[in-house]
């Protein structure tokens, strides 16, 4: 638990104190922000896996896995659409960073490749 808290504090510090607006700073702030959101996606996928086998008529169908995959796809597509609609290069980190962190961090850990690693 102590290591988790240390990592959490370091990631928050990276987002706050890496305050430049150049591409280098934006990239590393976005990666730190995505790392903060990644456990959320993994926990959601884990909770959704409890739905597997619960559909009585089709107990063979992995309902939780399908729901997690669809949710990850919807989040990713929504964030890409928001980036295309809103991003013109003048936004602050919080708009572009949040959309990218949700797409890469939360949706990335909610999607199927995350279970391979």
N, C-alpha and C. Protein backbone atom coordinates (compact mmCIF):
# COMPACT_ATOMS: atom_id res chain seq x y z
N UNK A 1 0.82 -1.20 0.00
CA UNK A 1 0.00 0.00 0.00
C UNK A 1 0.86 1.26 0.00
N UNK A 2 1.97 1.23 0.70
CA UNK A 2 2.84 2.41 0.76
C UNK A 2 3.42 2.75 -0.61
N UNK A 3 3.77 1.72 -1.40
CA UNK A 3 4.30 1.98 -2.74
C UNK A 3 3.24 2.57 -3.64
N UNK A 4 2.00 2.14 -3.49
CA UNK A 4 0.91 2.71 -4.29
C UNK A 4 0.73 4.18 -3.97
N UNK A 5 0.79 4.52 -2.72
CA UNK A 5 0.65 5.92 -2.31
C UNK A 5 1.80 6.77 -2.84
N UNK A 6 3.00 6.24 -2.77
CA UNK A 6 4.17 6.96 -3.28
C UNK A 6 4.03 7.19 -4.79
N UNK A 7 3.63 6.16 -5.51
CA UNK A 7 3.44 6.30 -6.96
C UNK A 7 2.35 7.31 -7.28
N UNK A 8 1.27 7.27 -6.54
CA UNK A 8 0.18 8.21 -6.75
C UNK A 8 0.65 9.64 -6.54
N UNK A 9 1.38 9.89 -5.48
CA UNK A 9 1.88 11.23 -5.18
C UNK A 9 2.87 11.68 -6.26
N UNK A 10 3.74 10.79 -6.71
CA UNK A 10 4.69 11.15 -7.76
C UNK A 10 4.01 11.47 -9.09
N UNK A 11 2.97 10.73 -9.41
CA UNK A 11 2.24 11.01 -10.64
C UNK A 11 1.50 12.35 -10.57
N UNK A 12 0.90 12.64 -9.43
CA UNK A 12 0.24 13.94 -9.24
C UNK A 12 1.27 15.06 -9.36
N UNK A 13 2.44 14.87 -8.74
CA UNK A 13 3.49 15.88 -8.81
C UNK A 13 3.96 16.08 -10.25
N UNK A 14 4.06 15.01 -11.02
CA UNK A 14 4.48 15.13 -12.41
C UNK A 14 3.48 15.93 -13.23
N UNK A 15 2.20 15.73 -12.94
CA UNK A 15 1.17 16.47 -13.68
C UNK A 15 1.20 17.95 -13.30
N UNK A 16 1.39 18.24 -12.03
CA UNK A 16 1.32 19.63 -11.57
C UNK A 16 2.60 20.39 -11.89
N UNK A 17 3.76 19.80 -11.62
CA UNK A 17 5.01 20.55 -11.72
C UNK A 17 5.64 20.54 -13.10
N UNK A 18 5.31 19.59 -13.94
CA UNK A 18 5.78 19.62 -15.34
C UNK A 18 4.81 20.54 -16.07
N UNK A 19 5.07 21.83 -16.02
CA UNK A 19 4.06 22.81 -16.38
C UNK A 19 4.31 23.49 -17.72
N UNK A 20 5.25 23.02 -18.50
CA UNK A 20 5.52 23.66 -19.78
C UNK A 20 4.44 23.36 -20.80
N UNK A 21 4.34 24.20 -21.80
CA UNK A 21 3.33 24.00 -22.84
C UNK A 21 3.94 23.46 -24.13
N UNK A 22 5.21 23.06 -24.11
CA UNK A 22 5.82 22.47 -25.30
C UNK A 22 5.37 21.01 -25.43
N UNK A 23 5.63 20.42 -26.57
CA UNK A 23 5.18 19.04 -26.82
C UNK A 23 5.79 18.04 -25.85
N UNK A 24 7.03 18.25 -25.48
CA UNK A 24 7.71 17.36 -24.54
C UNK A 24 6.96 17.33 -23.20
N UNK A 25 6.68 18.50 -22.65
CA UNK A 25 5.99 18.58 -21.36
C UNK A 25 4.58 18.02 -21.45
N UNK A 26 3.88 18.35 -22.52
CA UNK A 26 2.50 17.86 -22.71
C UNK A 26 2.48 16.34 -22.78
N UNK A 27 3.44 15.76 -23.48
CA UNK A 27 3.49 14.31 -23.62
C UNK A 27 3.69 13.63 -22.27
N UNK A 28 4.65 14.11 -21.49
CA UNK A 28 4.93 13.47 -20.21
C UNK A 28 3.84 13.74 -19.17
N UNK A 29 3.21 14.89 -19.23
CA UNK A 29 2.07 15.14 -18.33
C UNK A 29 0.91 14.23 -18.70
N UNK A 30 0.68 14.05 -20.00
CA UNK A 30 -0.40 13.16 -20.43
C UNK A 30 -0.12 11.72 -20.03
N UNK A 31 1.13 11.28 -20.14
CA UNK A 31 1.47 9.90 -19.72
C UNK A 31 1.25 9.72 -18.23
N UNK A 32 1.62 10.72 -17.43
CA UNK A 32 1.41 10.62 -15.98
C UNK A 32 -0.09 10.60 -15.67
N UNK A 33 -0.86 11.43 -16.37
CA UNK A 33 -2.31 11.48 -16.17
C UNK A 33 -2.94 10.14 -16.58
N UNK A 34 -2.48 9.56 -17.69
CA UNK A 34 -3.00 8.27 -18.13
C UNK A 34 -2.65 7.17 -17.13
N UNK A 35 -1.48 7.24 -16.54
CA UNK A 35 -1.08 6.25 -15.52
C UNK A 35 -1.96 6.35 -14.28
N UNK A 36 -2.45 7.55 -13.97
CA UNK A 36 -3.37 7.71 -12.85
C UNK A 36 -4.73 7.09 -13.14
N UNK A 37 -5.17 7.17 -14.41
CA UNK A 37 -6.49 6.67 -14.77
C UNK A 37 -6.51 5.18 -15.13
N UNK A 38 -5.36 4.61 -15.42
CA UNK A 38 -5.30 3.21 -15.84
C UNK A 38 -5.85 2.23 -14.81
N UNK A 39 -5.55 2.38 -13.52
CA UNK A 39 -6.12 1.43 -12.56
C UNK A 39 -7.65 1.44 -12.53
N UNK A 40 -8.25 2.58 -12.84
CA UNK A 40 -9.71 2.66 -12.88
C UNK A 40 -10.27 1.73 -13.93
N UNK A 41 -9.69 1.75 -15.13
CA UNK A 41 -10.14 0.86 -16.20
C UNK A 41 -9.94 -0.61 -15.85
N UNK A 42 -8.81 -0.91 -15.23
CA UNK A 42 -8.56 -2.31 -14.84
C UNK A 42 -9.56 -2.78 -13.79
N UNK A 43 -9.87 -1.92 -12.84
CA UNK A 43 -10.85 -2.30 -11.81
C UNK A 43 -12.26 -2.45 -12.38
N UNK A 44 -12.62 -1.58 -13.32
CA UNK A 44 -13.93 -1.71 -13.97
C UNK A 44 -14.00 -3.03 -14.73
N UNK A 45 -12.94 -3.36 -15.47
CA UNK A 45 -12.93 -4.62 -16.22
C UNK A 45 -13.03 -5.82 -15.26
N UNK A 46 -12.33 -5.75 -14.16
CA UNK A 46 -12.37 -6.84 -13.18
C UNK A 46 -13.78 -7.00 -12.62
N UNK A 47 -14.43 -5.87 -12.29
CA UNK A 47 -15.81 -5.95 -11.75
C UNK A 47 -16.78 -6.46 -12.81
N UNK A 48 -16.60 -6.04 -14.06
CA UNK A 48 -17.49 -6.51 -15.13
C UNK A 48 -17.30 -8.00 -15.42
N UNK A 49 -16.12 -8.52 -15.13
CA UNK A 49 -15.89 -9.95 -15.36
C UNK A 49 -16.77 -10.81 -14.46
N UNK A 50 -17.29 -10.25 -13.39
CA UNK A 50 -18.21 -10.98 -12.52
C UNK A 50 -19.54 -11.28 -13.23
N UNK A 51 -19.84 -10.55 -14.30
CA UNK A 51 -21.07 -10.78 -15.05
C UNK A 51 -20.98 -12.01 -15.95
N UNK A 52 -19.76 -12.52 -16.18
CA UNK A 52 -19.61 -13.70 -17.03
C UNK A 52 -20.32 -14.89 -16.41
N UNK A 53 -21.16 -15.56 -17.21
CA UNK A 53 -21.89 -16.72 -16.75
C UNK A 53 -23.14 -16.41 -15.95
N UNK A 54 -23.49 -15.15 -15.79
CA UNK A 54 -24.66 -14.78 -14.98
C UNK A 54 -25.95 -14.70 -15.81
N UNK A 55 -25.83 -14.65 -17.10
CA UNK A 55 -27.00 -14.60 -17.98
C UNK A 55 -27.52 -16.03 -18.09
N UNK A 56 -28.63 -16.34 -17.42
CA UNK A 56 -29.07 -17.73 -17.24
C UNK A 56 -29.37 -18.43 -18.56
N UNK A 57 -29.98 -17.74 -19.50
CA UNK A 57 -30.33 -18.38 -20.76
C UNK A 57 -29.09 -18.67 -21.62
N UNK A 58 -28.11 -17.78 -21.55
CA UNK A 58 -26.88 -17.94 -22.33
C UNK A 58 -25.67 -17.89 -21.39
N UNK A 59 -25.56 -18.86 -20.54
CA UNK A 59 -24.49 -18.85 -19.54
C UNK A 59 -23.10 -19.00 -20.18
N UNK A 60 -23.03 -19.47 -21.41
CA UNK A 60 -21.76 -19.63 -22.11
C UNK A 60 -21.23 -18.29 -22.62
N UNK A 61 -22.09 -17.27 -22.71
CA UNK A 61 -21.70 -15.98 -23.28
C UNK A 61 -20.98 -15.13 -22.24
N UNK A 62 -19.78 -14.64 -22.55
CA UNK A 62 -19.02 -13.80 -21.59
C UNK A 62 -19.54 -12.36 -21.58
N UNK A 63 -20.65 -12.15 -20.91
CA UNK A 63 -21.32 -10.85 -20.91
C UNK A 63 -20.42 -9.74 -20.34
N UNK A 64 -19.71 -10.02 -19.28
CA UNK A 64 -18.83 -9.01 -18.67
C UNK A 64 -17.69 -8.61 -19.58
N UNK A 65 -17.10 -9.59 -20.26
CA UNK A 65 -16.02 -9.30 -21.20
C UNK A 65 -16.53 -8.46 -22.36
N UNK A 66 -17.69 -8.81 -22.88
CA UNK A 66 -18.28 -8.05 -23.98
C UNK A 66 -18.61 -6.63 -23.54
N UNK A 67 -19.16 -6.47 -22.34
CA UNK A 67 -19.49 -5.14 -21.83
C UNK A 67 -18.22 -4.29 -21.64
N UNK A 68 -17.17 -4.89 -21.13
CA UNK A 68 -15.91 -4.16 -20.94
C UNK A 68 -15.33 -3.74 -22.29
N UNK A 69 -15.35 -4.62 -23.27
CA UNK A 69 -14.82 -4.30 -24.59
C UNK A 69 -15.62 -3.19 -25.25
N UNK A 70 -16.93 -3.26 -25.16
CA UNK A 70 -17.78 -2.23 -25.75
C UNK A 70 -17.59 -0.89 -25.03
N UNK A 71 -17.49 -0.92 -23.72
CA UNK A 71 -17.28 0.31 -22.96
C UNK A 71 -15.95 0.96 -23.35
N UNK A 72 -14.90 0.16 -23.46
CA UNK A 72 -13.59 0.69 -23.86
C UNK A 72 -13.65 1.29 -25.27
N UNK A 73 -14.34 0.62 -26.17
CA UNK A 73 -14.47 1.15 -27.54
C UNK A 73 -15.25 2.45 -27.56
N UNK A 74 -16.32 2.52 -26.80
CA UNK A 74 -17.13 3.74 -26.76
C UNK A 74 -16.34 4.90 -26.17
N UNK A 75 -15.61 4.65 -25.10
CA UNK A 75 -14.79 5.71 -24.50
C UNK A 75 -13.72 6.18 -25.48
N UNK A 76 -13.04 5.25 -26.14
CA UNK A 76 -11.99 5.62 -27.09
C UNK A 76 -12.52 6.44 -28.25
N UNK A 77 -13.62 5.98 -28.84
CA UNK A 77 -14.19 6.70 -29.98
C UNK A 77 -14.70 8.07 -29.56
N UNK A 78 -15.30 8.16 -28.40
CA UNK A 78 -15.79 9.45 -27.91
C UNK A 78 -14.64 10.42 -27.68
N UNK A 79 -13.56 9.95 -27.09
CA UNK A 79 -12.42 10.83 -26.85
C UNK A 79 -11.75 11.26 -28.16
N UNK A 80 -11.67 10.36 -29.13
CA UNK A 80 -11.12 10.73 -30.44
C UNK A 80 -12.00 11.78 -31.11
N UNK A 81 -13.31 11.60 -31.04
CA UNK A 81 -14.24 12.58 -31.63
C UNK A 81 -14.11 13.93 -30.93
N UNK A 82 -13.99 13.93 -29.62
CA UNK A 82 -13.81 15.19 -28.89
C UNK A 82 -12.50 15.87 -29.27
N UNK A 83 -11.44 15.08 -29.41
CA UNK A 83 -10.16 15.66 -29.82
C UNK A 83 -10.27 16.30 -31.20
N UNK A 84 -10.90 15.60 -32.13
CA UNK A 84 -11.03 16.14 -33.48
C UNK A 84 -11.92 17.38 -33.51
N UNK A 85 -12.95 17.38 -32.70
CA UNK A 85 -13.90 18.50 -32.68
C UNK A 85 -13.33 19.72 -31.95
N UNK A 86 -12.67 19.51 -30.83
CA UNK A 86 -12.28 20.61 -29.96
C UNK A 86 -10.83 21.06 -30.08
N UNK A 87 -9.95 20.20 -30.54
CA UNK A 87 -8.54 20.52 -30.47
C UNK A 87 -8.09 21.32 -31.68
N UNK A 88 -7.60 22.52 -31.44
CA UNK A 88 -7.03 23.32 -32.52
C UNK A 88 -5.61 23.79 -32.19
N UNK A 89 -5.02 23.22 -31.16
CA UNK A 89 -3.65 23.54 -30.79
C UNK A 89 -3.51 24.64 -29.75
N UNK A 90 -4.60 25.29 -29.40
CA UNK A 90 -4.52 26.40 -28.44
C UNK A 90 -5.10 26.04 -27.08
N UNK A 91 -5.65 24.84 -26.93
CA UNK A 91 -6.27 24.46 -25.66
C UNK A 91 -5.22 24.23 -24.59
N UNK A 92 -5.67 24.30 -23.37
CA UNK A 92 -4.79 24.02 -22.24
C UNK A 92 -4.56 22.51 -22.14
N UNK A 93 -3.66 22.17 -21.26
CA UNK A 93 -3.37 20.75 -21.04
C UNK A 93 -4.60 19.99 -20.57
N UNK A 94 -5.44 20.64 -19.77
CA UNK A 94 -6.54 19.91 -19.14
C UNK A 94 -7.56 19.42 -20.15
N UNK A 95 -7.75 20.08 -21.25
CA UNK A 95 -8.67 19.60 -22.27
C UNK A 95 -8.04 18.48 -23.09
N UNK A 96 -6.89 18.76 -23.68
CA UNK A 96 -6.25 17.74 -24.51
C UNK A 96 -5.70 16.59 -23.68
N UNK A 97 -5.14 16.91 -22.52
CA UNK A 97 -4.57 15.87 -21.66
C UNK A 97 -5.62 14.92 -21.10
N UNK A 98 -6.78 15.47 -20.74
CA UNK A 98 -7.84 14.63 -20.19
C UNK A 98 -8.40 13.69 -21.24
N UNK A 99 -8.65 14.20 -22.44
CA UNK A 99 -9.18 13.32 -23.49
C UNK A 99 -8.18 12.23 -23.83
N UNK A 100 -6.92 12.58 -23.93
CA UNK A 100 -5.89 11.57 -24.25
C UNK A 100 -5.69 10.58 -23.10
N UNK A 101 -5.72 11.08 -21.87
CA UNK A 101 -5.52 10.20 -20.71
C UNK A 101 -6.69 9.23 -20.55
N UNK A 102 -7.91 9.70 -20.81
CA UNK A 102 -9.06 8.79 -20.75
C UNK A 102 -8.97 7.73 -21.84
N UNK A 103 -8.54 8.14 -23.01
CA UNK A 103 -8.43 7.21 -24.14
C UNK A 103 -7.32 6.19 -23.90
N UNK A 104 -6.15 6.67 -23.54
CA UNK A 104 -4.99 5.79 -23.38
C UNK A 104 -4.99 5.08 -22.03
N UNK A 105 -5.31 5.81 -20.97
CA UNK A 105 -5.22 5.24 -19.62
C UNK A 105 -6.39 4.36 -19.26
N UNK A 106 -7.58 4.97 -19.16
CA UNK A 106 -8.74 4.21 -18.69
C UNK A 106 -9.24 3.23 -19.75
N UNK A 107 -9.49 3.72 -20.96
CA UNK A 107 -10.00 2.81 -22.00
C UNK A 107 -8.95 1.79 -22.41
N UNK A 108 -7.69 2.18 -22.35
CA UNK A 108 -6.62 1.24 -22.69
C UNK A 108 -6.53 0.07 -21.73
N UNK A 109 -6.73 0.34 -20.45
CA UNK A 109 -6.67 -0.76 -19.48
C UNK A 109 -8.00 -1.50 -19.38
N UNK A 110 -9.04 -0.94 -19.95
CA UNK A 110 -10.34 -1.60 -19.98
C UNK A 110 -10.48 -2.52 -21.19
N UNK A 111 -9.64 -2.31 -22.20
CA UNK A 111 -9.76 -3.03 -23.46
C UNK A 111 -9.05 -4.39 -23.41
N UNK A 112 -9.31 -5.24 -24.40
CA UNK A 112 -8.76 -6.61 -24.40
C UNK A 112 -7.24 -6.73 -24.32
N UNK A 113 -6.44 -5.88 -24.99
CA UNK A 113 -4.99 -6.08 -24.88
C UNK A 113 -4.47 -5.95 -23.46
N UNK A 114 -5.18 -5.22 -22.61
CA UNK A 114 -4.70 -5.06 -21.23
C UNK A 114 -4.70 -6.38 -20.47
N UNK A 115 -5.52 -7.32 -20.88
CA UNK A 115 -5.56 -8.61 -20.18
C UNK A 115 -4.40 -9.50 -20.58
N UNK A 116 -3.70 -9.17 -21.67
CA UNK A 116 -2.57 -9.99 -22.11
C UNK A 116 -1.31 -9.69 -21.33
N UNK A 117 -1.23 -8.51 -20.74
CA UNK A 117 0.02 -8.08 -20.11
C UNK A 117 -0.01 -8.19 -18.62
